[in-house]
Amino acid sequence: MVSMEIQNLRVYERRGLLEPDRTAGGTRLYSADDIDRLHRIRELLAEGLNLAGIAHVLELEDRVGALEAQVARLRAR
């Protein structure tokens, strides 16, 4: 489990770095993917990136993952 301050989690969500599901009452529900993303955010912060840089890196990593999945589907045909 990742231990983080609640205010940091709120900032990450406001900045679009993380989008956890919510209960009907508004409580955040963190999935395994959300936890992995929090680990990645922590790693990037430790490397000295600011939140804008982290957003860019995460966006690029998401795009690469989507492209890799597309290539795998095309190769499976």
N, C-alpha and C. Protein backbone atom coordinates (compact mmCIF):
# COMPACT_ATOMS: atom_id res chain seq x y z
N MET A 1 0.84 -1.19 0.00
CA MET A 1 0.00 0.00 0.00
C MET A 1 0.88 1.24 0.00
N VAL A 2 0.45 2.24 -0.70
CA VAL A 2 1.18 3.50 -0.76
C VAL A 2 0.67 4.41 0.34
N SER A 3 1.58 4.96 1.13
CA SER A 3 1.19 5.89 2.16
C SER A 3 1.43 7.30 1.65
N MET A 4 0.36 8.06 1.48
CA MET A 4 0.47 9.42 0.97
C MET A 4 -0.48 10.31 1.75
N GLU A 5 -0.15 11.57 1.78
CA GLU A 5 -1.01 12.55 2.44
C GLU A 5 -2.26 12.77 1.59
N ILE A 6 -3.39 12.91 2.25
CA ILE A 6 -4.66 13.09 1.55
C ILE A 6 -4.64 14.34 0.67
N GLN A 7 -3.97 15.41 1.14
CA GLN A 7 -3.94 16.62 0.32
C GLN A 7 -3.16 16.39 -0.97
N ASN A 8 -2.14 15.52 -0.93
CA ASN A 8 -1.41 15.20 -2.16
C ASN A 8 -2.31 14.45 -3.13
N LEU A 9 -3.08 13.51 -2.61
CA LEU A 9 -4.00 12.75 -3.46
C LEU A 9 -5.02 13.68 -4.12
N ARG A 10 -5.50 14.66 -3.37
CA ARG A 10 -6.45 15.62 -3.93
C ARG A 10 -5.81 16.45 -5.04
N VAL A 11 -4.57 16.86 -4.83
CA VAL A 11 -3.85 17.64 -5.85
C VAL A 11 -3.67 16.79 -7.10
N TYR A 12 -3.25 15.54 -6.93
CA TYR A 12 -3.04 14.66 -8.09
C TYR A 12 -4.33 14.50 -8.87
N GLU A 13 -5.44 14.38 -8.16
CA GLU A 13 -6.73 14.23 -8.83
C GLU A 13 -7.10 15.53 -9.56
N ARG A 14 -6.93 16.68 -8.91
CA ARG A 14 -7.24 17.96 -9.55
C ARG A 14 -6.40 18.17 -10.80
N ARG A 15 -5.15 17.72 -10.77
CA ARG A 15 -4.25 17.89 -11.90
C ARG A 15 -4.46 16.84 -12.99
N GLY A 16 -5.37 15.90 -12.75
CA GLY A 16 -5.66 14.87 -13.75
C GLY A 16 -4.65 13.74 -13.78
N LEU A 17 -3.82 13.63 -12.75
CA LEU A 17 -2.83 12.56 -12.71
C LEU A 17 -3.46 11.24 -12.28
N LEU A 18 -4.61 11.33 -11.64
CA LEU A 18 -5.26 10.17 -11.05
C LEU A 18 -6.76 10.40 -11.10
N GLU A 19 -7.52 9.36 -11.44
CA GLU A 19 -8.98 9.48 -11.50
C GLU A 19 -9.62 8.28 -10.82
N PRO A 20 -9.60 8.23 -9.49
CA PRO A 20 -10.20 7.08 -8.80
C PRO A 20 -11.72 7.10 -8.93
N ASP A 21 -12.29 5.90 -8.88
CA ASP A 21 -13.75 5.80 -8.83
C ASP A 21 -14.21 6.35 -7.49
N ARG A 22 -15.52 6.58 -7.39
CA ARG A 22 -16.10 7.08 -6.14
C ARG A 22 -17.36 6.30 -5.80
N THR A 23 -17.59 6.22 -4.51
CA THR A 23 -18.84 5.62 -4.05
C THR A 23 -19.95 6.66 -4.25
N ALA A 24 -21.19 6.23 -4.01
CA ALA A 24 -22.32 7.17 -4.11
C ALA A 24 -22.14 8.32 -3.13
N GLY A 25 -21.47 8.07 -2.01
CA GLY A 25 -21.24 9.10 -1.00
C GLY A 25 -20.01 9.96 -1.28
N GLY A 26 -19.29 9.66 -2.36
CA GLY A 26 -18.14 10.48 -2.74
C GLY A 26 -16.79 9.99 -2.25
N THR A 27 -16.76 8.85 -1.55
CA THR A 27 -15.49 8.31 -1.07
C THR A 27 -14.70 7.76 -2.25
N ARG A 28 -13.41 8.10 -2.29
CA ARG A 28 -12.56 7.62 -3.38
C ARG A 28 -12.31 6.12 -3.23
N LEU A 29 -12.36 5.43 -4.36
CA LEU A 29 -12.07 3.99 -4.41
C LEU A 29 -10.86 3.80 -5.32
N TYR A 30 -9.75 3.40 -4.74
CA TYR A 30 -8.51 3.24 -5.51
C TYR A 30 -8.36 1.80 -5.99
N SER A 31 -8.23 1.64 -7.29
CA SER A 31 -8.03 0.32 -7.89
C SER A 31 -6.55 -0.05 -7.82
N ALA A 32 -6.25 -1.28 -8.20
CA ALA A 32 -4.84 -1.71 -8.27
C ALA A 32 -4.08 -0.84 -9.26
N ASP A 33 -4.73 -0.48 -10.37
CA ASP A 33 -4.07 0.40 -11.37
C ASP A 33 -3.81 1.79 -10.78
N ASP A 34 -4.75 2.29 -9.98
CA ASP A 34 -4.54 3.58 -9.32
C ASP A 34 -3.34 3.52 -8.38
N ILE A 35 -3.22 2.43 -7.64
CA ILE A 35 -2.10 2.26 -6.72
C ILE A 35 -0.78 2.20 -7.49
N ASP A 36 -0.77 1.48 -8.62
CA ASP A 36 0.43 1.44 -9.47
C ASP A 36 0.78 2.84 -9.96
N ARG A 37 -0.23 3.59 -10.33
CA ARG A 37 0.00 4.95 -10.82
C ARG A 37 0.57 5.84 -9.70
N LEU A 38 0.06 5.66 -8.49
CA LEU A 38 0.60 6.41 -7.35
C LEU A 38 2.07 6.07 -7.10
N HIS A 39 2.41 4.80 -7.25
CA HIS A 39 3.82 4.41 -7.13
C HIS A 39 4.66 5.11 -8.20
N ARG A 40 4.13 5.15 -9.41
CA ARG A 40 4.86 5.80 -10.51
C ARG A 40 5.01 7.29 -10.24
N ILE A 41 3.97 7.95 -9.75
CA ILE A 41 4.04 9.37 -9.41
C ILE A 41 5.12 9.59 -8.35
N ARG A 42 5.14 8.73 -7.34
CA ARG A 42 6.15 8.85 -6.29
C ARG A 42 7.56 8.70 -6.87
N GLU A 43 7.75 7.74 -7.78
CA GLU A 43 9.06 7.55 -8.41
C GLU A 43 9.49 8.80 -9.18
N LEU A 44 8.56 9.35 -9.94
CA LEU A 44 8.88 10.52 -10.75
C LEU A 44 9.16 11.74 -9.88
N LEU A 45 8.44 11.88 -8.79
CA LEU A 45 8.72 12.97 -7.85
C LEU A 45 10.14 12.82 -7.27
N ALA A 46 10.50 11.58 -6.94
CA ALA A 46 11.83 11.31 -6.38
C ALA A 46 12.93 11.61 -7.39
N GLU A 47 12.60 11.49 -8.68
CA GLU A 47 13.57 11.81 -9.73
C GLU A 47 13.66 13.31 -10.00
N GLY A 48 12.82 14.09 -9.33
CA GLY A 48 12.91 15.53 -9.44
C GLY A 48 11.93 16.19 -10.40
N LEU A 49 10.99 15.42 -10.95
CA LEU A 49 10.02 16.02 -11.86
C LEU A 49 8.97 16.78 -11.06
N ASN A 50 8.47 17.85 -11.66
CA ASN A 50 7.34 18.56 -11.05
C ASN A 50 6.05 17.94 -11.57
N LEU A 51 4.91 18.40 -11.08
CA LEU A 51 3.64 17.77 -11.45
C LEU A 51 3.32 17.92 -12.93
N ALA A 52 3.72 19.03 -13.53
CA ALA A 52 3.49 19.20 -14.97
C ALA A 52 4.32 18.18 -15.75
N GLY A 53 5.55 17.97 -15.35
CA GLY A 53 6.41 16.98 -16.00
C GLY A 53 5.87 15.57 -15.81
N ILE A 54 5.39 15.29 -14.62
CA ILE A 54 4.81 13.98 -14.33
C ILE A 54 3.59 13.75 -15.21
N ALA A 55 2.75 14.75 -15.35
CA ALA A 55 1.56 14.62 -16.20
C ALA A 55 1.97 14.27 -17.63
N HIS A 56 3.01 14.92 -18.11
CA HIS A 56 3.48 14.66 -19.48
C HIS A 56 4.02 13.23 -19.60
N VAL A 57 4.83 12.81 -18.65
CA VAL A 57 5.39 11.46 -18.68
C VAL A 57 4.27 10.42 -18.62
N LEU A 58 3.30 10.59 -17.73
CA LEU A 58 2.21 9.63 -17.61
C LEU A 58 1.38 9.58 -18.89
N GLU A 59 1.15 10.73 -19.50
CA GLU A 59 0.40 10.76 -20.76
C GLU A 59 1.15 9.98 -21.84
N LEU A 60 2.45 10.20 -21.93
CA LEU A 60 3.25 9.48 -22.93
C LEU A 60 3.28 7.98 -22.65
N GLU A 61 3.40 7.61 -21.38
CA GLU A 61 3.39 6.18 -21.03
C GLU A 61 2.05 5.54 -21.37
N ASP A 62 0.96 6.26 -21.14
CA ASP A 62 -0.37 5.75 -21.49
C ASP A 62 -0.49 5.56 -23.00
N ARG A 63 0.01 6.53 -23.75
CA ARG A 63 -0.05 6.44 -25.22
C ARG A 63 0.78 5.27 -25.73
N VAL A 64 1.96 5.08 -25.17
CA VAL A 64 2.81 3.96 -25.57
C VAL A 64 2.10 2.64 -25.26
N GLY A 65 1.49 2.53 -24.08
CA GLY A 65 0.77 1.32 -23.72
C GLY A 65 -0.37 1.03 -24.69
N ALA A 66 -1.10 2.06 -25.08
CA ALA A 66 -2.20 1.88 -26.03
C ALA A 66 -1.68 1.44 -27.39
N LEU A 67 -0.57 2.03 -27.82
CA LEU A 67 0.02 1.65 -29.11
C LEU A 67 0.56 0.22 -29.08
N GLU A 68 1.16 -0.17 -27.96
CA GLU A 68 1.64 -1.54 -27.83
C GLU A 68 0.49 -2.54 -27.89
N ALA A 69 -0.62 -2.20 -27.26
CA ALA A 69 -1.80 -3.07 -27.29
C ALA A 69 -2.35 -3.17 -28.71
N GLN A 70 -2.34 -2.04 -29.42
CA GLN A 70 -2.82 -2.05 -30.81
C GLN A 70 -1.93 -2.92 -31.68
N VAL A 71 -0.63 -2.82 -31.53
CA VAL A 71 0.31 -3.63 -32.30
C VAL A 71 0.08 -5.10 -32.00
N ALA A 72 -0.11 -5.45 -30.73
CA ALA A 72 -0.34 -6.84 -30.35
C ALA A 72 -1.62 -7.38 -31.01
N ARG A 73 -2.68 -6.55 -31.04
CA ARG A 73 -3.93 -6.97 -31.69
C ARG A 73 -3.70 -7.19 -33.18
N LEU A 74 -2.96 -6.30 -33.81
CA LEU A 74 -2.71 -6.42 -35.25
C LEU A 74 -1.87 -7.66 -35.56
N ARG A 75 -0.92 -7.96 -34.70
CA ARG A 75 -0.08 -9.14 -34.92
C ARG A 75 -0.85 -10.42 -34.70
N ALA A 76 -1.89 -10.37 -33.88
CA ALA A 76 -2.68 -11.57 -33.58
C ALA A 76 -3.62 -11.94 -34.71
N ARG A 77 -3.79 -11.08 -35.66
CA ARG A 77 -4.72 -11.35 -36.78
C ARG A 77 -4.20 -12.41 -37.69
